[in-house]
Amino acid sequence: MLLSVHEYELMDQKSRGFWNALVTFRQVMQDRSVQITDSDFKGLRDSSAGRIESFLNDVVRQNMLILPYDDRAAEWHAGKRVRLSSKGKTPR
């Protein structure tokens, strides 16, 4: 989607927050009678196998450490979830 610099700056104002920016965006789209349909997104997704792994290796891994999510990590995560849930603080 292309936006003018002015429209982007209106949406990006941190003091407004995400929700207000979204409401403004929707209003602008409605005022201009812009219809976004599935056909606008046709052919944009890369359907090749391994695209996520390639992105992680080629882009993300170059800038940050990716820790493995193995059985030990899953058990730790489950334990934290149980502890929080028992206190009524179910993680999302």
Protein backbone atom coordinates (compact mmCIF):
# COMPACT_ATOMS: atom_id res chain seq x y z
CA MET A 1 0.00 0.00 0.00
CA LEU A 2 1.33 3.42 -0.84
CA LEU A 3 0.72 6.40 1.41
CA SER A 4 1.83 9.97 1.09
CA VAL A 5 4.46 11.13 3.57
CA HIS A 6 1.83 13.32 5.22
CA GLU A 7 -0.61 10.42 5.69
CA TYR A 8 2.16 8.18 7.00
CA GLU A 9 3.26 10.83 9.50
CA LEU A 10 -0.33 11.19 10.69
CA MET A 11 -0.54 7.45 11.26
CA ASP A 12 2.91 7.21 12.81
CA GLN A 13 2.51 9.89 15.48
CA LYS A 14 3.48 8.08 18.68
CA SER A 15 1.29 10.29 20.85
CA ARG A 16 -1.77 9.12 18.96
CA GLY A 17 -1.15 5.44 19.51
CA PHE A 18 -1.82 2.50 17.23
CA TRP A 19 -5.58 2.39 17.70
CA ASN A 20 -6.10 6.04 16.83
CA ALA A 21 -3.83 5.68 13.80
CA LEU A 22 -5.85 2.66 12.66
CA VAL A 23 -9.13 4.54 13.07
CA THR A 24 -7.70 7.48 11.08
CA PHE A 25 -6.47 5.13 8.35
CA ARG A 26 -9.87 3.45 8.08
CA GLN A 27 -11.60 6.82 7.90
CA VAL A 28 -9.30 8.04 5.12
CA MET A 29 -9.88 4.81 3.19
CA GLN A 30 -13.65 5.14 3.64
CA ASP A 31 -13.68 8.85 2.69
CA ARG A 32 -11.81 8.07 -0.53
CA SER A 33 -14.00 5.04 -1.27
CA VAL A 34 -10.95 2.78 -1.43
CA GLN A 35 -11.82 -0.90 -1.53
CA ILE A 36 -9.11 -3.43 -0.64
CA THR A 37 -9.86 -6.93 -1.85
CA ASP A 38 -8.06 -10.25 -1.96
CA SER A 39 -7.06 -9.54 -5.55
CA ASP A 40 -4.90 -6.64 -4.29
CA PHE A 41 -2.71 -9.20 -2.54
CA LYS A 42 -2.68 -11.84 -5.28
CA GLY A 43 0.81 -12.97 -6.19
CA LEU A 44 2.52 -11.05 -3.39
CA ARG A 45 3.30 -14.01 -1.19
CA ASP A 46 6.42 -16.02 -1.87
CA SER A 47 5.22 -19.61 -2.02
CA SER A 48 8.65 -21.19 -2.39
CA ALA A 49 9.62 -23.86 0.13
CA GLY A 50 11.92 -22.75 2.92
CA ARG A 51 11.32 -19.02 2.54
CA ILE A 52 10.99 -18.43 6.28
CA GLU A 53 14.11 -20.41 7.07
CA SER A 54 16.01 -18.52 4.37
CA PHE A 55 14.82 -15.19 5.77
CA LEU A 56 15.85 -16.16 9.30
CA ASN A 57 19.28 -17.31 8.16
CA ASP A 58 20.00 -14.54 5.67
CA VAL A 59 18.52 -11.55 7.48
CA VAL A 60 17.62 -12.14 11.11
CA ARG A 61 20.55 -14.33 12.11
CA GLN A 62 22.96 -11.68 10.82
CA ASN A 63 21.65 -9.24 13.44
CA MET A 64 20.60 -11.30 16.44
CA LEU A 65 21.12 -14.62 18.14
CA ILE A 66 18.34 -17.14 17.55
CA LEU A 67 18.03 -19.51 20.48
CA PRO A 68 16.77 -23.05 19.89
CA TYR A 69 13.33 -23.95 21.22
CA ASP A 70 14.12 -27.47 22.35
CA ASP A 71 12.46 -29.78 24.91
CA ARG A 72 14.20 -28.03 27.80
CA ALA A 73 12.94 -24.63 26.66
CA ALA A 74 9.42 -26.01 26.17
CA GLU A 75 9.41 -27.46 29.70
CA TRP A 76 10.61 -24.15 31.15
CA HIS A 77 7.92 -22.28 29.22
CA ALA A 78 5.23 -24.72 30.35
CA GLY A 79 6.32 -24.34 33.98
CA LYS A 80 6.11 -20.55 33.77
CA ARG A 81 2.69 -20.78 32.16
CA VAL A 82 1.42 -23.08 34.93
CA ARG A 83 2.81 -20.74 37.61
CA LEU A 84 1.21 -17.66 36.06
CA SER A 85 -2.08 -19.46 35.40
CA SER A 86 -2.29 -20.59 39.03
CA LYS A 87 -2.09 -16.89 40.00
CA GLY A 88 -4.84 -15.96 37.55
CA LYS A 89 -2.37 -14.34 35.15
CA THR A 90 -2.76 -16.50 32.09
CA PRO A 91 -0.10 -15.50 29.55
CA ARG A 92 -1.29 -14.67 26.06
